[in-house]
Amino acid sequence: MKSYEYSILPEYAPLYSKLPYHYKNFKKVSAFCKADKTKLQQFLPKEFEVTSDVFEVFVLQNDYVEGLDPYSEGGLVIPCKYKELDGACMAFEYVDTDDALCAGREIWGYPKKLGEVTFHQTDDEVYGSIKRKGKTILEIQFKKEELDFEPPALFPRLQVKRMPHPEVYGTDINWIIRNEFENATFHEKKTGSATVNWEHSDADPLAELGDVSVIGAQYVVGDFTLSYGNVLEKLEGSSKVKL
C-alpha cells in the first residue's frame, strides 16, 4: 500500500515528489542581451526594480532529474533587486511537463507555463526554441567562438509567489521568495555568438523587447541541486477585494 502525501495533491498519487531535485548533465544555451531598462521593468513584478540593461534568455535540456521526469525549459531572466537585496527574477519560463510546471509554480512561485521546447546541438552550434499557442516566442541560434564578455549576476533568484484566493478575486498568498541553486558544477563551458528571434504573441509578449543586442552567449553542461528557498517577506494580500 502507498502512504498518503499530505503536502502535494492528489494525496494518494502526488503530481511531483518532495525536494530536493538533483539535476545531472543538464545542457543549456544562453544569450546575454541588452535592452531598454524601461521595457525590462514592465516584465518584473511591481515589488522588484531592474538593475541592469543586460538580461539572459535561455533554453535548457534536462535529460536526468532525480525527483522529476526529464524535461526541457526556457525563459527570460532579468537582474533586479528587492529592497537592498540584489538578484535576478525569472520573468518568463516555459517547460514541457506537468510535474515541472506545477512544482515550480506551487513551491517557489516560478511563473511557468507549458510550451513546446526544442533543443538541438552539433559540435560547434546549438539551436533552442520555445513555441506556445502556435507562436515561436523565443529562438536562439548559438555558434561556438572565443568571445570575451561579462555575463550579468543572475543569483539569487528573486520570485513573487502568488496564489489566488478561493473566495474572492485577489491573492491568498503573496510572498517574496529567495532561491539558490546548490552544488552547481560545470563539466563543459563554451562561449560564442548568438542570434535571438521572437514572434509576437499577446499571450507571451517577449517580443515587446524588440530587436535586442546580443553581447555574448554560452553553452554549458553541468549539475545542480534545487531545494527549498527562503520566504523574505509575506506581503499583504488583496483578499478583501470583492467580487
Protein backbone atom coordinates (compact mmCIF):
# COMPACT_ATOMS: atom_id res chain seq x y z
CA MET A 1 0.00 0.00 0.00
CA LYS A 2 1.11 3.54 -0.70
CA SER A 3 1.21 6.07 2.09
CA TYR A 4 -0.58 9.37 1.76
CA GLU A 5 1.39 12.55 0.99
CA TYR A 6 -0.35 15.46 2.68
CA SER A 7 1.69 18.30 1.15
CA ILE A 8 1.21 17.66 -2.57
CA LEU A 9 -2.03 16.92 -4.42
CA PRO A 10 -3.51 14.46 -5.13
CA GLU A 11 -2.70 12.96 -1.74
CA TYR A 12 -2.53 9.31 -2.77
CA ALA A 13 -0.66 9.94 -6.04
CA PRO A 14 1.19 13.28 -5.80
CA LEU A 15 1.97 15.04 -9.07
CA TYR A 16 5.60 15.64 -8.06
CA SER A 17 7.92 14.31 -5.38
CA LYS A 18 9.43 16.03 -2.36
CA LEU A 19 12.54 18.18 -2.59
CA PRO A 20 15.44 18.20 -3.27
CA TYR A 21 15.71 17.64 -7.03
CA HIS A 22 19.12 16.66 -8.41
CA TYR A 23 19.91 17.69 -11.99
CA LYS A 24 22.67 15.75 -13.78
CA ASN A 25 24.38 16.75 -17.04
CA PHE A 26 21.88 19.42 -17.99
CA LYS A 27 22.61 21.20 -21.29
CA LYS A 28 21.92 24.91 -21.56
CA VAL A 29 22.34 27.58 -24.21
CA SER A 30 22.16 31.21 -23.08
CA ALA A 31 22.25 34.52 -24.91
CA PHE A 32 23.03 37.68 -22.94
CA CYS A 33 21.30 40.66 -24.46
CA LYS A 34 20.90 44.40 -23.95
CA ALA A 35 17.51 46.09 -23.97
CA ASP A 36 15.82 49.23 -22.72
CA LYS A 37 15.53 49.07 -18.92
CA THR A 38 12.03 50.54 -19.05
CA LYS A 39 10.89 47.60 -21.17
CA LEU A 40 12.59 45.12 -18.83
CA GLN A 41 10.96 46.75 -15.80
CA GLN A 42 7.48 46.16 -17.20
CA PHE A 43 8.18 42.40 -17.21
CA LEU A 44 9.01 42.34 -13.47
CA PRO A 45 6.65 42.03 -10.50
CA LYS A 46 5.95 45.52 -9.16
CA GLU A 47 7.93 44.77 -5.98
CA PHE A 48 11.22 44.44 -7.91
CA GLU A 49 13.45 47.06 -9.51
CA VAL A 50 15.53 46.30 -12.60
CA THR A 51 19.27 46.78 -12.00
CA SER A 52 20.84 46.16 -15.42
CA ASP A 53 20.03 46.54 -19.09
CA VAL A 54 21.66 43.14 -19.75
CA PHE A 55 19.45 40.06 -19.34
CA GLU A 56 19.51 36.35 -20.18
CA VAL A 57 17.37 34.27 -22.48
CA PHE A 58 17.99 30.53 -22.40
CA VAL A 59 16.87 27.08 -23.50
CA LEU A 60 17.81 24.09 -21.34
CA GLN A 61 17.52 20.32 -21.70
CA ASN A 62 17.30 18.15 -18.59
CA ASP A 63 17.81 14.50 -19.54
CA TYR A 64 18.09 13.30 -15.94
CA VAL A 65 16.46 14.81 -12.87
CA GLU A 66 16.28 12.84 -9.65
CA GLY A 67 12.80 13.71 -8.37
CA LEU A 68 11.13 14.84 -11.61
CA ASP A 69 10.54 13.41 -15.06
CA PRO A 70 13.08 14.54 -17.69
CA TYR A 71 12.02 17.85 -19.21
CA SER A 72 13.20 20.83 -21.19
CA GLU A 73 12.65 24.50 -20.46
CA GLY A 74 13.49 28.03 -21.46
CA GLY A 75 12.87 31.56 -20.35
CA LEU A 76 13.97 35.11 -19.66
CA VAL A 77 15.90 36.21 -16.54
CA ILE A 78 16.23 39.87 -15.51
CA PRO A 79 18.74 41.23 -12.95
CA CYS A 80 16.82 43.11 -10.27
CA LYS A 81 16.65 43.90 -6.59
CA TYR A 82 14.11 43.64 -3.80
CA LYS A 83 14.74 46.49 -1.39
CA GLU A 84 18.53 46.23 -0.86
CA LEU A 85 18.92 42.59 -1.98
CA ASP A 86 20.36 42.12 -5.46
CA GLY A 87 19.47 39.07 -7.52
CA ALA A 88 17.54 38.17 -10.65
CA CYS A 89 13.95 37.27 -11.47
CA MET A 90 12.73 34.58 -13.82
CA ALA A 91 10.23 36.82 -15.61
CA PHE A 92 9.04 34.22 -18.13
CA GLU A 93 9.56 30.45 -18.02
CA TYR A 94 8.30 27.58 -20.14
CA VAL A 95 8.50 23.82 -19.52
CA ASP A 96 7.14 20.76 -21.30
CA THR A 97 5.99 18.51 -18.43
CA ASP A 98 3.22 18.95 -15.88
CA ASP A 99 5.26 17.97 -12.80
CA ALA A 100 7.98 20.54 -13.57
CA LEU A 101 5.27 23.13 -14.25
CA CYS A 102 3.37 22.66 -11.01
CA ALA A 103 6.36 22.11 -8.72
CA GLY A 104 7.90 25.37 -9.89
CA ARG A 105 4.72 27.40 -9.53
CA GLU A 106 3.49 25.87 -6.27
CA ILE A 107 6.77 25.70 -4.30
CA TRP A 108 8.73 28.82 -5.30
CA GLY A 109 6.37 30.90 -7.42
CA TYR A 110 8.19 30.49 -10.74
CA PRO A 111 5.83 31.79 -13.48
CA LYS A 112 5.97 28.58 -15.52
CA LYS A 113 3.74 27.85 -18.49
CA LEU A 114 3.55 24.75 -20.69
CA GLY A 115 5.27 25.10 -24.04
CA GLU A 116 6.96 23.14 -26.81
CA VAL A 117 10.73 23.20 -26.26
CA THR A 118 13.24 22.25 -28.97
CA PHE A 119 16.95 21.71 -28.33
CA HIS A 120 19.47 20.53 -30.95
CA GLN A 121 23.27 20.62 -30.97
CA THR A 122 26.33 19.79 -33.05
CA ASP A 123 29.99 20.17 -32.10
CA ASP A 124 30.00 23.93 -32.70
CA GLU A 125 26.36 25.00 -32.88
CA VAL A 126 23.29 24.83 -30.63
CA TYR A 127 19.69 25.64 -31.51
CA GLY A 128 16.96 26.16 -28.95
CA SER A 129 13.40 27.38 -29.29
CA ILE A 130 10.14 27.71 -27.39
CA LYS A 131 6.76 27.54 -29.07
CA ARG A 132 3.41 28.22 -27.44
CA LYS A 133 -0.06 28.66 -28.90
CA GLY A 134 1.33 28.39 -32.40
CA LYS A 135 3.93 31.15 -31.93
CA THR A 136 7.71 30.74 -31.73
CA ILE A 137 8.15 33.09 -28.79
CA LEU A 138 11.90 32.50 -28.38
CA GLU A 139 14.58 31.19 -30.73
CA ILE A 140 18.33 31.08 -30.01
CA GLN A 141 20.97 30.11 -32.57
CA PHE A 142 24.41 29.70 -30.94
CA LYS A 143 27.77 29.34 -32.69
CA LYS A 144 30.92 28.49 -30.76
CA GLU A 145 33.75 31.04 -30.85
CA GLU A 146 36.19 32.60 -28.42
CA LEU A 147 34.49 35.69 -27.05
CA ASP A 148 35.30 37.87 -24.06
CA PHE A 149 32.25 39.29 -22.28
CA GLU A 150 30.90 39.65 -18.75
CA PRO A 151 27.57 37.88 -18.07
CA PRO A 152 25.28 39.57 -15.52
CA ALA A 153 24.87 38.24 -11.98
CA LEU A 154 21.74 36.07 -12.04
CA PHE A 155 21.56 34.71 -8.48
CA PRO A 156 19.98 34.52 -6.04
CA ARG A 157 16.66 34.10 -7.77
CA LEU A 158 14.02 36.52 -6.51
CA GLN A 159 10.44 35.48 -7.19
CA VAL A 160 6.97 36.51 -6.08
CA LYS A 161 4.84 33.53 -5.07
CA ARG A 162 1.21 34.47 -5.56
CA MET A 163 -1.78 32.17 -5.13
CA PRO A 164 -5.34 33.22 -5.96
CA HIS A 165 -7.82 33.44 -3.09
CA PRO A 166 -10.53 30.73 -3.19
CA GLU A 167 -13.34 33.03 -2.00
CA VAL A 168 -12.76 36.37 -3.73
CA TYR A 169 -10.80 37.88 -6.59
CA GLY A 170 -7.40 38.54 -5.05
CA THR A 171 -4.41 36.75 -3.56
CA ASP A 172 -4.36 34.27 -0.73
CA ILE A 173 -0.53 34.01 -0.68
CA ASN A 174 1.70 36.90 -1.74
CA TRP A 175 5.28 36.15 -0.68
CA ILE A 176 8.74 37.27 -1.77
CA ILE A 177 10.91 34.16 -2.25
CA ARG A 178 14.70 33.87 -2.43
CA ASN A 179 16.10 30.73 -4.05
CA GLU A 180 19.59 29.44 -4.91
CA PHE A 181 20.98 26.50 -6.86
CA GLU A 182 23.05 24.22 -4.63
CA ASN A 183 26.19 22.24 -5.55
CA ALA A 184 26.35 23.81 -9.01
CA THR A 185 29.21 22.47 -11.14
CA PHE A 186 30.07 22.75 -14.83
CA HIS A 187 31.57 19.89 -16.84
CA GLU A 188 31.76 21.89 -20.06
CA LYS A 189 31.53 25.57 -20.94
CA LYS A 190 31.81 27.22 -24.37
CA THR A 191 31.49 30.87 -25.31
CA GLY A 192 30.11 32.04 -28.61
CA SER A 193 27.94 34.37 -30.62
CA ALA A 194 24.18 34.04 -30.96
CA THR A 195 21.15 35.40 -32.72
CA VAL A 196 17.88 35.81 -30.85
CA ASN A 197 14.48 35.93 -32.55
CA TRP A 198 10.92 36.01 -31.29
CA GLU A 199 7.47 36.06 -32.76
CA HIS A 200 4.86 38.46 -31.41
CA SER A 201 2.31 36.85 -29.11
CA ASP A 202 -0.27 38.62 -26.97
CA ALA A 203 -0.17 35.69 -24.53
CA ASP A 204 3.64 35.64 -24.26
CA PRO A 205 4.95 39.15 -25.03
CA LEU A 206 8.72 38.60 -25.01
CA ALA A 207 8.88 40.17 -28.47
CA GLU A 208 7.91 43.53 -26.94
CA LEU A 209 11.64 43.89 -26.19
CA GLY A 210 12.15 44.37 -29.93
CA ASP A 211 15.48 43.91 -31.68
CA VAL A 212 17.98 43.37 -28.88
CA SER A 213 21.78 43.49 -28.97
CA VAL A 214 23.49 40.20 -28.05
CA ILE A 215 26.73 40.90 -26.14
CA GLY A 216 27.71 37.23 -25.88
CA ALA A 217 26.45 33.70 -25.49
CA GLN A 218 27.46 30.44 -23.86
CA TYR A 219 26.74 26.73 -23.83
CA VAL A 220 27.22 24.77 -20.62
CA VAL A 221 26.83 21.22 -19.35
CA GLY A 222 26.55 20.74 -15.61
CA ASP A 223 24.82 19.61 -12.43
CA PHE A 224 22.93 21.36 -9.65
CA THR A 225 20.51 20.67 -6.83
CA LEU A 226 17.23 22.50 -6.41
CA SER A 227 15.92 22.63 -2.85
CA TYR A 228 13.91 24.83 -0.52
CA GLY A 229 14.16 28.61 -0.68
CA ASN A 230 13.56 31.34 1.88
CA VAL A 231 10.48 33.47 2.42
CA LEU A 232 11.88 37.01 2.61
CA GLU A 233 8.58 38.72 3.27
CA LYS A 234 4.89 37.88 3.46
CA LEU A 235 3.20 40.79 1.75
CA GLU A 236 -0.34 41.89 2.40
CA GLY A 237 -2.66 40.12 0.00
CA SER A 238 -5.70 41.50 -1.75
CA SER A 239 -8.18 39.04 -0.28
CA LYS A 240 -10.56 41.82 0.77
CA VAL A 241 -11.32 42.71 -2.85
CA LYS A 242 -14.98 41.93 -3.51
CA LEU A 243 -16.31 40.01 -6.47
